PDB file of all heavy atoms in Angstrom:
ATOM      1  N   ARG A   1     100.660  93.935  90.035  1.00  0.00           N
ATOM      2  CA  ARG A   1     101.664  92.961  89.595  1.00  0.00           C
ATOM      3  C   ARG A   1     103.057  93.361  90.068  1.00  0.00           C
ATOM      4  O   ARG A   1     104.055  93.139  89.399  1.00  0.00           O
ATOM      5  CB  ARG A   1     101.662  92.794  88.078  1.00  0.00           C
ATOM      6  CG  ARG A   1     100.352  92.323  87.508  1.00  0.00           C
ATOM      7  CD  ARG A   1     100.116  90.899  87.895  1.00  0.00           C
ATOM      8  NE  ARG A   1      98.943  90.389  87.196  1.00  0.00           N
ATOM      9  CZ  ARG A   1      98.129  89.529  87.752  1.00  0.00           C
ATOM     10  NH1 ARG A   1      98.341  89.096  88.950  1.00  0.00           N
ATOM     11  NH2 ARG A   1      97.093  89.083  87.090  1.00  0.00           N
ATOM     12  N   THR A   2     103.102  93.979  91.265  1.00  0.00           N
ATOM     13  CA  THR A   2     104.355  94.393  91.882  1.00  0.00           C
ATOM     14  C   THR A   2     104.255  94.157  93.377  1.00  0.00           C
ATOM     15  O   THR A   2     103.252  94.490  93.995  1.00  0.00           O
ATOM     16  CB  THR A   2     104.623  95.887  91.638  1.00  0.00           C
ATOM     17  OG1 THR A   2     104.664  96.124  90.239  1.00  0.00           O
ATOM     18  CG2 THR A   2     105.934  96.325  92.256  1.00  0.00           C
ATOM     19  N   ILE A   3     105.300  93.567  93.945  1.00  0.00           N
ATOM     20  CA  ILE A   3     105.367  93.404  95.395  1.00  0.00           C
ATOM     21  C   ILE A   3     106.277  94.502  95.918  1.00  0.00           C
ATOM     22  O   ILE A   3     107.453  94.567  95.573  1.00  0.00           O
ATOM     23  CB  ILE A   3     105.892  92.008  95.785  1.00  0.00           C
ATOM     24  CG1 ILE A   3     104.919  90.939  95.301  1.00  0.00           C
ATOM     25  CG2 ILE A   3     106.094  91.917  97.288  1.00  0.00           C
ATOM     26  CD1 ILE A   3     105.368  89.518  95.569  1.00  0.00           C
ATOM     27  N   TYR A   4     105.728  95.363  96.726  1.00  0.00           N
ATOM     28  CA  TYR A   4     106.465  96.525  97.199  1.00  0.00           C
ATOM     29  C   TYR A   4     107.286  96.192  98.441  1.00  0.00           C
ATOM     30  O   TYR A   4     107.100  96.743  99.518  1.00  0.00           O
ATOM     31  CB  TYR A   4     105.514  97.687  97.460  1.00  0.00           C
ATOM     32  CG  TYR A   4     104.942  98.227  96.179  1.00  0.00           C
ATOM     33  CD1 TYR A   4     103.643  97.935  95.791  1.00  0.00           C
ATOM     34  CD2 TYR A   4     105.715  99.009  95.334  1.00  0.00           C
ATOM     35  CE1 TYR A   4     103.127  98.415  94.603  1.00  0.00           C
ATOM     36  CE2 TYR A   4     105.209  99.493  94.138  1.00  0.00           C
ATOM     37  CZ  TYR A   4     103.914  99.191  93.793  1.00  0.00           C
ATOM     38  OH  TYR A   4     103.415  99.667  92.612  1.00  0.00           O
ATOM     39  N   LEU A   5     108.216  95.276  98.270  1.00  0.00           N
ATOM     40  CA  LEU A   5     109.228  94.956  99.260  1.00  0.00           C
ATOM     41  C   LEU A   5     110.580  95.201  98.594  1.00  0.00           C
ATOM     42  O   LEU A   5     110.773  94.840  97.430  1.00  0.00           O
ATOM     43  CB  LEU A   5     109.128  93.499  99.701  1.00  0.00           C
ATOM     44  CG  LEU A   5     107.894  93.110 100.491  1.00  0.00           C
ATOM     45  CD1 LEU A   5     107.888  91.613 100.746  1.00  0.00           C
ATOM     46  CD2 LEU A   5     107.851  93.848 101.812  1.00  0.00           C
ATOM     47  N   PRO A   6     111.516  95.812  99.295  1.00  0.00           N
ATOM     48  CA  PRO A   6     112.795  96.117  98.655  1.00  0.00           C
ATOM     49  C   PRO A   6     113.581  94.852  98.320  1.00  0.00           C
ATOM     50  O   PRO A   6     113.656  93.927  99.115  1.00  0.00           O
ATOM     51  CB  PRO A   6     113.530  96.967  99.681  1.00  0.00           C
ATOM     52  CG  PRO A   6     112.838  96.726 100.970  1.00  0.00           C
ATOM     53  CD  PRO A   6     111.452  96.293 100.660  1.00  0.00           C
ATOM     54  N   GLY A   7     114.120  94.826  97.134  1.00  0.00           N
ATOM     55  CA  GLY A   7     114.973  93.733  96.685  1.00  0.00           C
ATOM     56  C   GLY A   7     116.297  94.290  96.201  1.00  0.00           C
ATOM     57  O   GLY A   7     116.581  95.480  96.337  1.00  0.00           O
ATOM     58  N   ARG A   8     117.124  93.470  95.622  1.00  0.00           N
ATOM     59  CA  ARG A   8     118.424  93.933  95.121  1.00  0.00           C
ATOM     60  C   ARG A   8     118.275  94.955  94.007  1.00  0.00           C
ATOM     61  O   ARG A   8     119.060  95.883  93.900  1.00  0.00           O
ATOM     62  CB  ARG A   8     119.235  92.752  94.596  1.00  0.00           C
ATOM     63  CG  ARG A   8     119.690  91.821  95.671  1.00  0.00           C
ATOM     64  CD  ARG A   8     120.549  90.735  95.083  1.00  0.00           C
ATOM     65  NE  ARG A   8     120.824  89.730  96.101  1.00  0.00           N
ATOM     66  CZ  ARG A   8     121.142  88.510  95.857  1.00  0.00           C
ATOM     67  NH1 ARG A   8     121.215  88.089  94.605  1.00  0.00           N
ATOM     68  NH2 ARG A   8     121.395  87.675  96.822  1.00  0.00           N
ATOM     69  N   GLU A   9     117.290  94.773  93.183  1.00  0.00           N
ATOM     70  CA  GLU A   9     117.105  95.650  92.027  1.00  0.00           C
ATOM     71  C   GLU A   9     115.819  96.457  92.138  1.00  0.00           C
ATOM     72  O   GLU A   9     115.166  96.743  91.140  1.00  0.00           O
ATOM     73  CB  GLU A   9     117.106  94.811  90.750  1.00  0.00           C
ATOM     74  CG  GLU A   9     118.397  94.029  90.571  1.00  0.00           C
ATOM     75  CD  GLU A   9     118.250  92.886  89.601  1.00  0.00           C
ATOM     76  OE1 GLU A   9     117.144  92.682  89.070  1.00  0.00           O
ATOM     77  OE2 GLU A   9     119.238  92.190  89.394  1.00  0.00           O
ATOM     78  N   GLY A  10     115.426  96.812  93.348  1.00  0.00           N
ATOM     79  CA  GLY A  10     114.192  97.566  93.550  1.00  0.00           C
ATOM     80  C   GLY A  10     113.047  96.638  93.921  1.00  0.00           C
ATOM     81  O   GLY A  10     113.251  95.557  94.456  1.00  0.00           O
ATOM     82  N   PHE A  11     111.847  97.087  93.615  1.00  0.00           N
ATOM     83  CA  PHE A  11     110.672  96.286  93.929  1.00  0.00           C
ATOM     84  C   PHE A  11     110.593  95.072  93.007  1.00  0.00           C
ATOM     85  O   PHE A  11     111.198  95.034  91.946  1.00  0.00           O
ATOM     86  CB  PHE A  11     109.405  97.127  93.799  1.00  0.00           C
ATOM     87  CG  PHE A  11     109.358  98.294  94.743  1.00  0.00           C
ATOM     88  CD1 PHE A  11     109.080  99.556  94.296  1.00  0.00           C
ATOM     89  CD2 PHE A  11     109.596  98.113  96.093  1.00  0.00           C
ATOM     90  CE1 PHE A  11     109.029 100.627  95.169  1.00  0.00           C
ATOM     91  CE2 PHE A  11     109.553  99.162  96.974  1.00  0.00           C
ATOM     92  CZ  PHE A  11     109.273 100.435  96.508  1.00  0.00           C
ATOM     93  N   ILE A  12     109.809  94.084  93.414  1.00  0.00           N
ATOM     94  CA  ILE A  12     109.712  92.826  92.677  1.00  0.00           C
ATOM     95  C   ILE A  12     108.531  92.921  91.711  1.00  0.00           C
ATOM     96  O   ILE A  12     107.376  92.971  92.128  1.00  0.00           O
ATOM     97  CB  ILE A  12     109.541  91.647  93.659  1.00  0.00           C
ATOM     98  CG1 ILE A  12     110.723  91.617  94.623  1.00  0.00           C
ATOM     99  CG2 ILE A  12     109.412  90.336  92.915  1.00  0.00           C
ATOM    100  CD1 ILE A  12     110.513  90.732  95.821  1.00  0.00           C
ATOM    101  N   HIS A  13     108.838  92.937  90.410  1.00  0.00           N
ATOM    102  CA  HIS A  13     107.809  93.045  89.370  1.00  0.00           C
ATOM    103  C   HIS A  13     107.604  91.679  88.725  1.00  0.00           C
ATOM    104  O   HIS A  13     108.555  90.936  88.483  1.00  0.00           O
ATOM    105  CB  HIS A  13     108.240  94.043  88.289  1.00  0.00           C
ATOM    106  CG  HIS A  13     108.480  95.415  88.819  1.00  0.00           C
ATOM    107  ND1 HIS A  13     107.458  96.285  89.085  1.00  0.00           N
ATOM    108  CD2 HIS A  13     109.627  96.060  89.141  1.00  0.00           C
ATOM    109  CE1 HIS A  13     107.957  97.415  89.544  1.00  0.00           C
ATOM    110  NE2 HIS A  13     109.281  97.308  89.590  1.00  0.00           N
ATOM    111  N   GLU A  14     106.372  91.369  88.405  1.00  0.00           N
ATOM    112  CA  GLU A  14     106.069  90.078  87.771  1.00  0.00           C
ATOM    113  C   GLU A  14     106.680  90.003  86.378  1.00  0.00           C
ATOM    114  O   GLU A  14     107.155  88.949  85.961  1.00  0.00           O
ATOM    115  CB  GLU A  14     104.567  89.864  87.696  1.00  0.00           C
ATOM    116  CG  GLU A  14     104.203  88.508  87.117  1.00  0.00           C
ATOM    117  CD  GLU A  14     102.717  88.327  86.985  1.00  0.00           C
ATOM    118  OE1 GLU A  14     101.993  89.320  86.831  1.00  0.00           O
ATOM    119  OE2 GLU A  14     102.280  87.171  87.022  1.00  0.00           O
ATOM    120  N   SER A  15     106.693  91.102  85.652  1.00  0.00           N
ATOM    121  CA  SER A  15     107.192  91.076  84.279  1.00  0.00           C
ATOM    122  C   SER A  15     108.705  90.855  84.217  1.00  0.00           C
ATOM    123  O   SER A  15     109.204  90.265  83.273  1.00  0.00           O
ATOM    124  CB  SER A  15     106.837  92.373  83.560  1.00  0.00           C
ATOM    125  OG  SER A  15     107.408  93.473  84.244  1.00  0.00           O
ATOM    126  N   GLU A  16     109.438  91.297  85.233  1.00  0.00           N
ATOM    127  CA  GLU A  16     110.900  91.142  85.231  1.00  0.00           C
ATOM    128  C   GLU A  16     111.340  89.765  85.697  1.00  0.00           C
ATOM    129  O   GLU A  16     112.284  89.202  85.155  1.00  0.00           O
ATOM    130  CB  GLU A  16     111.537  92.210  86.120  1.00  0.00           C
ATOM    131  CG  GLU A  16     111.378  93.614  85.579  1.00  0.00           C
ATOM    132  CD  GLU A  16     111.917  94.641  86.543  1.00  0.00           C
ATOM    133  OE1 GLU A  16     112.493  94.270  87.586  1.00  0.00           O
ATOM    134  OE2 GLU A  16     111.735  95.839  86.260  1.00  0.00           O
ATOM    135  N   ASN A  17     110.703  89.237  86.724  1.00  0.00           N
ATOM    136  CA  ASN A  17     111.096  87.945  87.269  1.00  0.00           C
ATOM    137  C   ASN A  17     109.851  87.215  87.785  1.00  0.00           C
ATOM    138  O   ASN A  17     109.535  87.283  88.974  1.00  0.00           O
ATOM    139  CB  ASN A  17     112.115  88.155  88.399  1.00  0.00           C
ATOM    140  CG  ASN A  17     112.857  86.894  88.741  1.00  0.00           C
ATOM    141  OD1 ASN A  17     112.425  85.794  88.396  1.00  0.00           O
ATOM    142  ND2 ASN A  17     113.973  87.036  89.428  1.00  0.00           N
ATOM    143  N   PRO A  18     109.150  86.505  86.897  1.00  0.00           N
ATOM    144  CA  PRO A  18     107.885  85.874  87.311  1.00  0.00           C
ATOM    145  C   PRO A  18     108.045  84.789  88.374  1.00  0.00           C
ATOM    146  O   PRO A  18     107.169  84.618  89.220  1.00  0.00           O
ATOM    147  CB  PRO A  18     107.318  85.294  86.017  1.00  0.00           C
ATOM    148  CG  PRO A  18     108.372  85.396  85.003  1.00  0.00           C
ATOM    149  CD  PRO A  18     109.426  86.318  85.494  1.00  0.00           C
ATOM    150  N   THR A  19     109.175  84.075  88.353  1.00  0.00           N
ATOM    151  CA  THR A  19     109.380  83.014  89.345  1.00  0.00           C
ATOM    152  C   THR A  19     109.541  83.600  90.741  1.00  0.00           C
ATOM    153  O   THR A  19     108.919  83.131  91.691  1.00  0.00           O
ATOM    154  CB  THR A  19     110.619  82.179  88.980  1.00  0.00           C
ATOM    155  OG1 THR A  19     110.478  81.711  87.645  1.00  0.00           O
ATOM    156  CG2 THR A  19     110.782  81.002  89.911  1.00  0.00           C
ATOM    157  N   LEU A  20     110.369  84.624  90.868  1.00  0.00           N
ATOM    158  CA  LEU A  20     110.568  85.271  92.164  1.00  0.00           C
ATOM    159  C   LEU A  20     109.277  85.934  92.634  1.00  0.00           C
ATOM    160  O   LEU A  20     108.941  85.874  93.820  1.00  0.00           O
ATOM    161  CB  LEU A  20     111.690  86.310  92.087  1.00  0.00           C
ATOM    162  CG  LEU A  20     111.978  87.094  93.368  1.00  0.00           C
ATOM    163  CD1 LEU A  20     112.433  86.151  94.472  1.00  0.00           C
ATOM    164  CD2 LEU A  20     113.014  88.168  93.105  1.00  0.00           C
ATOM    165  N   PHE A  21     108.552  86.556  91.720  1.00  0.00           N
ATOM    166  CA  PHE A  21     107.292  87.196  92.077  1.00  0.00           C
ATOM    167  C   PHE A  21     106.318  86.169  92.642  1.00  0.00           C
ATOM    168  O   PHE A  21     105.721  86.387  93.697  1.00  0.00           O
ATOM    169  CB  PHE A  21     106.675  87.891  90.861  1.00  0.00           C
ATOM    170  CG  PHE A  21     105.344  88.505  91.144  1.00  0.00           C
ATOM    171  CD1 PHE A  21     105.253  89.761  91.708  1.00  0.00           C
ATOM    172  CD2 PHE A  21     104.173  87.821  90.852  1.00  0.00           C
ATOM    173  CE1 PHE A  21     104.022  90.333  91.989  1.00  0.00           C
ATOM    174  CE2 PHE A  21     102.937  88.383  91.123  1.00  0.00           C
ATOM    175  CZ  PHE A  21     102.867  89.647  91.692  1.00  0.00           C
ATOM    176  N   MET A  22     106.155  85.045  91.968  1.00  0.00           N
ATOM    177  CA  MET A  22     105.214  84.026  92.424  1.00  0.00           C
ATOM    178  C   MET A  22     105.663  83.424  93.755  1.00  0.00           C
ATOM    179  O   MET A  22     104.841  83.195  94.654  1.00  0.00           O
ATOM    180  CB  MET A  22     105.055  82.926  91.373  1.00  0.00           C
ATOM    181  CG  MET A  22     103.929  81.977  91.686  1.00  0.00           C
ATOM    182  SD  MET A  22     102.349  82.766  92.029  1.00  0.00           S
ATOM    183  CE  MET A  22     101.869  83.322  90.441  1.00  0.00           C
ATOM    184  N   PHE A  23     106.971  83.197  93.912  1.00  0.00           N
ATOM    185  CA  PHE A  23     107.484  82.657  95.169  1.00  0.00           C
ATOM    186  C   PHE A  23     107.208  83.626  96.322  1.00  0.00           C
ATOM    187  O   PHE A  23     106.694  83.224  97.374  1.00  0.00           O
ATOM    188  CB  PHE A  23     108.987  82.381  95.065  1.00  0.00           C
ATOM    189  CG  PHE A  23     109.599  81.924  96.343  1.00  0.00           C
ATOM    190  CD1 PHE A  23     109.382  80.636  96.808  1.00  0.00           C
ATOM    191  CD2 PHE A  23     110.383  82.790  97.091  1.00  0.00           C
ATOM    192  CE1 PHE A  23     109.940  80.224  98.006  1.00  0.00           C
ATOM    193  CE2 PHE A  23     110.938  82.379  98.288  1.00  0.00           C
ATOM    194  CZ  PHE A  23     110.722  81.093  98.749  1.00  0.00           C
ATOM    195  N   MET A  24     107.530  84.894  96.133  1.00  0.00           N
ATOM    196  CA  MET A  24     107.308  85.882  97.181  1.00  0.00           C
ATOM    197  C   MET A  24     105.808  86.073  97.462  1.00  0.00           C
ATOM    198  O   MET A  24     105.408  86.272  98.598  1.00  0.00           O
ATOM    199  CB  MET A  24     107.947  87.224  96.807  1.00  0.00           C
ATOM    200  CG  MET A  24     109.459  87.214  96.868  1.00  0.00           C
ATOM    201  SD  MET A  24     110.100  86.773  98.497  1.00  0.00           S
ATOM    202  CE  MET A  24     109.536  88.145  99.461  1.00  0.00           C
ATOM    203  N   PHE A  25     105.010  86.001  96.422  1.00  0.00           N
ATOM    204  CA  PHE A  25     103.559  86.111  96.588  1.00  0.00           C
ATOM    205  C   PHE A  25     103.033  84.974  97.468  1.00  0.00           C
ATOM    206  O   PHE A  25     102.258  85.198  98.392  1.00  0.00           O
ATOM    207  CB  PHE A  25     102.875  86.103  95.223  1.00  0.00           C
ATOM    208  CG  PHE A  25     101.394  86.277  95.293  1.00  0.00           C
ATOM    209  CD1 PHE A  25     100.849  87.541  95.475  1.00  0.00           C
ATOM    210  CD2 PHE A  25     100.544  85.198  95.189  1.00  0.00           C
ATOM    211  CE1 PHE A  25      99.475  87.718  95.561  1.00  0.00           C
ATOM    212  CE2 PHE A  25      99.180  85.355  95.270  1.00  0.00           C
ATOM    213  CZ  PHE A  25      98.640  86.624  95.456  1.00  0.00           C
ATOM    214  N   LEU A  26     103.476  83.761  97.181  1.00  0.00           N
ATOM    215  CA  LEU A  26     103.033  82.612  97.970  1.00  0.00           C
ATOM    216  C   LEU A  26     103.537  82.691  99.410  1.00  0.00           C
ATOM    217  O   LEU A  26     102.826  82.315 100.345  1.00  0.00           O
ATOM    218  CB  LEU A  26     103.478  81.313  97.312  1.00  0.00           C
ATOM    219  CG  LEU A  26     102.787  81.001  95.982  1.00  0.00           C
ATOM    220  CD1 LEU A  26     103.391  79.754  95.347  1.00  0.00           C
ATOM    221  CD2 LEU A  26     101.304  80.835  96.176  1.00  0.00           C
ATOM    222  N   VAL A  27     104.753  83.180  99.603  1.00  0.00           N
ATOM    223  CA  VAL A  27     105.285  83.360 100.952  1.00  0.00           C
ATOM    224  C   VAL A  27     104.437  84.382 101.719  1.00  0.00           C
ATOM    225  O   VAL A  27     104.106  84.174 102.887  1.00  0.00           O
ATOM    226  CB  VAL A  27     106.773  83.780 100.911  1.00  0.00           C
ATOM    227  CG1 VAL A  27     107.247  84.285 102.255  1.00  0.00           C
ATOM    228  CG2 VAL A  27     107.639  82.622 100.451  1.00  0.00           C
ATOM    229  N   LEU A  28     104.079  85.477 101.058  1.00  0.00           N
ATOM    230  CA  LEU A  28     103.238  86.487 101.706  1.00  0.00           C
ATOM    231  C   LEU A  28     101.868  85.918 102.074  1.00  0.00           C
ATOM    232  O   LEU A  28     101.348  86.200 103.157  1.00  0.00           O
ATOM    233  CB  LEU A  28     103.063  87.705 100.801  1.00  0.00           C
ATOM    234  CG  LEU A  28     104.256  88.645 100.679  1.00  0.00           C
ATOM    235  CD1 LEU A  28     103.956  89.725  99.657  1.00  0.00           C
ATOM    236  CD2 LEU A  28     104.604  89.251 102.010  1.00  0.00           C
ATOM    237  N   VAL A  29     101.283  85.135 101.185  1.00  0.00           N
ATOM    238  CA  VAL A  29      99.978  84.522 101.471  1.00  0.00           C
ATOM    239  C   VAL A  29     100.094  83.579 102.667  1.00  0.00           C
ATOM    240  O   VAL A  29      99.264  83.611 103.584  1.00  0.00           O
ATOM    241  CB  VAL A  29      99.438  83.774 100.231  1.00  0.00           C
ATOM    242  CG1 VAL A  29      98.233  82.916 100.585  1.00  0.00           C
ATOM    243  CG2 VAL A  29      99.092  84.756  99.124  1.00  0.00           C
ATOM    244  N   PHE A  30     101.139  82.768 102.680  1.00  0.00           N
ATOM    245  CA  PHE A  30     101.341  81.823 103.784  1.00  0.00           C
ATOM    246  C   PHE A  30     101.552  82.558 105.108  1.00  0.00           C
ATOM    247  O   PHE A  30     100.924  82.229 106.116  1.00  0.00           O
ATOM    248  CB  PHE A  30     102.531  80.905 103.483  1.00  0.00           C
ATOM    249  CG  PHE A  30     102.868  79.984 104.605  1.00  0.00           C
ATOM    250  CD1 PHE A  30     102.071  78.887 104.880  1.00  0.00           C
ATOM    251  CD2 PHE A  30     103.982  80.218 105.399  1.00  0.00           C
ATOM    252  CE1 PHE A  30     102.383  78.034 105.931  1.00  0.00           C
ATOM    253  CE2 PHE A  30     104.296  79.379 106.439  1.00  0.00           C
ATOM    254  CZ  PHE A  30     103.490  78.282 106.718  1.00  0.00           C
ATOM    255  N   LEU A  31     102.439  83.569 105.115  1.00  0.00           N
ATOM    256  CA  LEU A  31     102.715  84.302 106.345  1.00  0.00           C
ATOM    257  C   LEU A  31     101.497  85.072 106.839  1.00  0.00           C
ATOM    258  O   LEU A  31     101.240  85.136 108.039  1.00  0.00           O
ATOM    259  CB  LEU A  31     103.889  85.258 106.136  1.00  0.00           C
ATOM    260  CG  LEU A  31     105.263  84.616 106.019  1.00  0.00           C
ATOM    261  CD1 LEU A  31     106.312  85.679 105.749  1.00  0.00           C
ATOM    262  CD2 LEU A  31     105.601  83.833 107.269  1.00  0.00           C
ATOM    263  N   SER A  32     100.747  85.643 105.917  1.00  0.00           N
ATOM    264  CA  SER A  32      99.550  86.377 106.309  1.00  0.00           C
ATOM    265  C   SER A  32      98.521  85.436 106.926  1.00  0.00           C
ATOM    266  O   SER A  32      97.937  85.732 107.975  1.00  0.00           O
ATOM    267  CB  SER A  32      98.949  87.090 105.102  1.00  0.00           C
ATOM    268  OG  SER A  32      97.755  87.728 105.447  1.00  0.00           O
ATOM    269  N   GLY A  33      98.301  84.304 106.295  1.00  0.00           N
ATOM    270  CA  GLY A  33      97.335  83.333 106.821  1.00  0.00           C
ATOM    271  C   GLY A  33      97.753  82.774 108.163  1.00  0.00           C
ATOM    272  O   GLY A  33      96.943  82.670 109.088  1.00  0.00           O
ATOM    273  N   LEU A  34      99.035  82.433 108.299  1.00  0.00           N
ATOM    274  CA  LEU A  34      99.524  81.879 109.557  1.00  0.00           C
ATOM    275  C   LEU A  34      99.447  82.914 110.677  1.00  0.00           C
ATOM    276  O   LEU A  34      99.029  82.612 111.787  1.00  0.00           O
ATOM    277  CB  LEU A  34     100.964  81.392 109.387  1.00  0.00           C
ATOM    278  CG  LEU A  34     101.612  80.740 110.597  1.00  0.00           C
ATOM    279  CD1 LEU A  34     100.876  79.453 110.941  1.00  0.00           C
ATOM    280  CD2 LEU A  34     103.073  80.463 110.324  1.00  0.00           C
ATOM    281  N   SER A  35      99.837  84.137 110.377  1.00  0.00           N
ATOM    282  CA  SER A  35      99.795  85.191 111.381  1.00  0.00           C
ATOM    283  C   SER A  35      98.364  85.488 111.811  1.00  0.00           C
ATOM    284  O   SER A  35      98.081  85.683 112.994  1.00  0.00           O
ATOM    285  CB  SER A  35     100.466  86.450 110.826  1.00  0.00           C
ATOM    286  OG  SER A  35     100.499  87.458 111.783  1.00  0.00           O
ATOM    287  N   PHE A  36      97.450  85.523 110.852  1.00  0.00           N
ATOM    288  CA  PHE A  36      96.048  85.750 111.191  1.00  0.00           C
ATOM    289  C   PHE A  36      95.510  84.616 112.048  1.00  0.00           C
ATOM    290  O   PHE A  36      94.827  84.849 113.048  1.00  0.00           O
ATOM    291  CB  PHE A  36      95.202  85.901 109.930  1.00  0.00           C
ATOM    292  CG  PHE A  36      93.762  86.188 110.229  1.00  0.00           C
ATOM    293  CD1 PHE A  36      93.357  87.468 110.557  1.00  0.00           C
ATOM    294  CD2 PHE A  36      92.818  85.178 110.204  1.00  0.00           C
ATOM    295  CE1 PHE A  36      92.033  87.748 110.861  1.00  0.00           C
ATOM    296  CE2 PHE A  36      91.503  85.438 110.507  1.00  0.00           C
ATOM    297  CZ  PHE A  36      91.102  86.729 110.830  1.00  0.00           C
ATOM    298  N   TYR A  37      95.822  83.387 111.687  1.00  0.00           N
ATOM    299  CA  TYR A  37      95.348  82.226 112.438  1.00  0.00           C
ATOM    300  C   TYR A  37      95.863  82.265 113.875  1.00  0.00           C
ATOM    301  O   TYR A  37      95.094  82.088 114.821  1.00  0.00           O
ATOM    302  CB  TYR A  37      95.788  80.932 111.748  1.00  0.00           C
ATOM    303  CG  TYR A  37      95.477  79.697 112.543  1.00  0.00           C
ATOM    304  CD1 TYR A  37      94.183  79.205 112.611  1.00  0.00           C
ATOM    305  CD2 TYR A  37      96.477  79.029 113.241  1.00  0.00           C
ATOM    306  CE1 TYR A  37      93.887  78.073 113.360  1.00  0.00           C
ATOM    307  CE2 TYR A  37      96.190  77.904 113.991  1.00  0.00           C
ATOM    308  CZ  TYR A  37      94.903  77.425 114.049  1.00  0.00           C
ATOM    309  OH  TYR A  37      94.616  76.317 114.793  1.00  0.00           O
ATOM    310  N   GLN A  38      97.172  82.510 114.037  1.00  0.00           N
ATOM    311  CA  GLN A  38      97.744  82.535 115.383  1.00  0.00           C
ATOM    312  C   GLN A  38      97.178  83.680 116.207  1.00  0.00           C
ATOM    313  O   GLN A  38      96.856  83.510 117.381  1.00  0.00           O
ATOM    314  CB  GLN A  38      99.263  82.648 115.309  1.00  0.00           C
ATOM    315  CG  GLN A  38      99.936  81.406 114.839  1.00  0.00           C
ATOM    316  CD  GLN A  38     101.438  81.576 114.741  1.00  0.00           C
ATOM    317  OE1 GLN A  38     101.946  82.690 114.697  1.00  0.00           O
ATOM    318  NE2 GLN A  38     102.149  80.469 114.699  1.00  0.00           N
ATOM    319  N   GLY A  39      97.066  84.854 115.613  1.00  0.00           N
ATOM    320  CA  GLY A  39      96.546  86.002 116.343  1.00  0.00           C
ATOM    321  C   GLY A  39      95.088  85.837 116.720  1.00  0.00           C
ATOM    322  O   GLY A  39      94.687  86.085 117.858  1.00  0.00           O
ATOM    323  N   TYR A  40      94.274  85.407 115.765  1.00  0.00           N
ATOM    324  CA  TYR A  40      92.835  85.275 116.022  1.00  0.00           C
ATOM    325  C   TYR A  40      92.553  84.167 117.027  1.00  0.00           C
ATOM    326  O   TYR A  40      91.799  84.361 117.981  1.00  0.00           O
ATOM    327  CB  TYR A  40      92.078  85.024 114.720  1.00  0.00           C
ATOM    328  CG  TYR A  40      90.597  84.870 114.929  1.00  0.00           C
ATOM    329  CD1 TYR A  40      89.810  85.985 115.182  1.00  0.00           C
ATOM    330  CD2 TYR A  40      89.995  83.620 114.911  1.00  0.00           C
ATOM    331  CE1 TYR A  40      88.450  85.858 115.399  1.00  0.00           C
ATOM    332  CE2 TYR A  40      88.643  83.480 115.124  1.00  0.00           C
ATOM    333  CZ  TYR A  40      87.874  84.604 115.368  1.00  0.00           C
ATOM    334  OH  TYR A  40      86.533  84.468 115.591  1.00  0.00           O
ATOM    335  N   THR A  41      93.128  82.997 116.822  1.00  0.00           N
ATOM    336  CA  THR A  41      92.852  81.892 117.747  1.00  0.00           C
ATOM    337  C   THR A  41      93.410  82.187 119.129  1.00  0.00           C
ATOM    338  O   THR A  41      92.801  81.815 120.138  1.00  0.00           O
ATOM    339  CB  THR A  41      93.406  80.563 117.224  1.00  0.00           C
ATOM    340  OG1 THR A  41      94.808  80.694 116.988  1.00  0.00           O
ATOM    341  CG2 THR A  41      92.699  80.118 115.976  1.00  0.00           C
ATOM    342  N   GLY A  42      94.558  82.854 119.197  1.00  0.00           N
ATOM    343  CA  GLY A  42      95.114  83.209 120.501  1.00  0.00           C
ATOM    344  C   GLY A  42      94.237  84.183 121.245  1.00  0.00           C
ATOM    345  O   GLY A  42      93.976  84.022 122.443  1.00  0.00           O
ATOM    346  N   LEU A  43      93.769  85.210 120.566  1.00  0.00           N
ATOM    347  CA  LEU A  43      92.883  86.173 121.215  1.00  0.00           C
ATOM    348  C   LEU A  43      91.545  85.534 121.580  1.00  0.00           C
ATOM    349  O   LEU A  43      90.959  85.852 122.614  1.00  0.00           O
ATOM    350  CB  LEU A  43      92.662  87.385 120.309  1.00  0.00           C
ATOM    351  CG  LEU A  43      93.830  88.357 120.210  1.00  0.00           C
ATOM    352  CD1 LEU A  43      93.532  89.429 119.170  1.00  0.00           C
ATOM    353  CD2 LEU A  43      94.121  88.992 121.551  1.00  0.00           C
ATOM    354  N   TYR A  44      91.070  84.642 120.730  1.00  0.00           N
ATOM    355  CA  TYR A  44      89.797  83.977 121.004  1.00  0.00           C
ATOM    356  C   TYR A  44      89.903  83.118 122.266  1.00  0.00           C
ATOM    357  O   TYR A  44      89.026  83.152 123.123  1.00  0.00           O
ATOM    358  CB  TYR A  44      89.383  83.120 119.811  1.00  0.00           C
ATOM    359  CG  TYR A  44      88.068  82.415 119.993  1.00  0.00           C
ATOM    360  CD1 TYR A  44      86.877  83.128 119.954  1.00  0.00           C
ATOM    361  CD2 TYR A  44      88.016  81.055 120.211  1.00  0.00           C
ATOM    362  CE1 TYR A  44      85.658  82.495 120.125  1.00  0.00           C
ATOM    363  CE2 TYR A  44      86.806  80.411 120.389  1.00  0.00           C
ATOM    364  CZ  TYR A  44      85.636  81.127 120.344  1.00  0.00           C
ATOM    365  OH  TYR A  44      84.427  80.492 120.532  1.00  0.00           O
TER     366      TYR A  44
END
């Protein structure tokens, strides 16, 4: 329940700021999926 990316006040914890945590989580999921898709299809 912690995203280990540096922020203004340290790492992003769900208990301290649930909205920011969920937003960053969704951004990470989107970027990971897009990067995997581009890399895999390009290599294929």
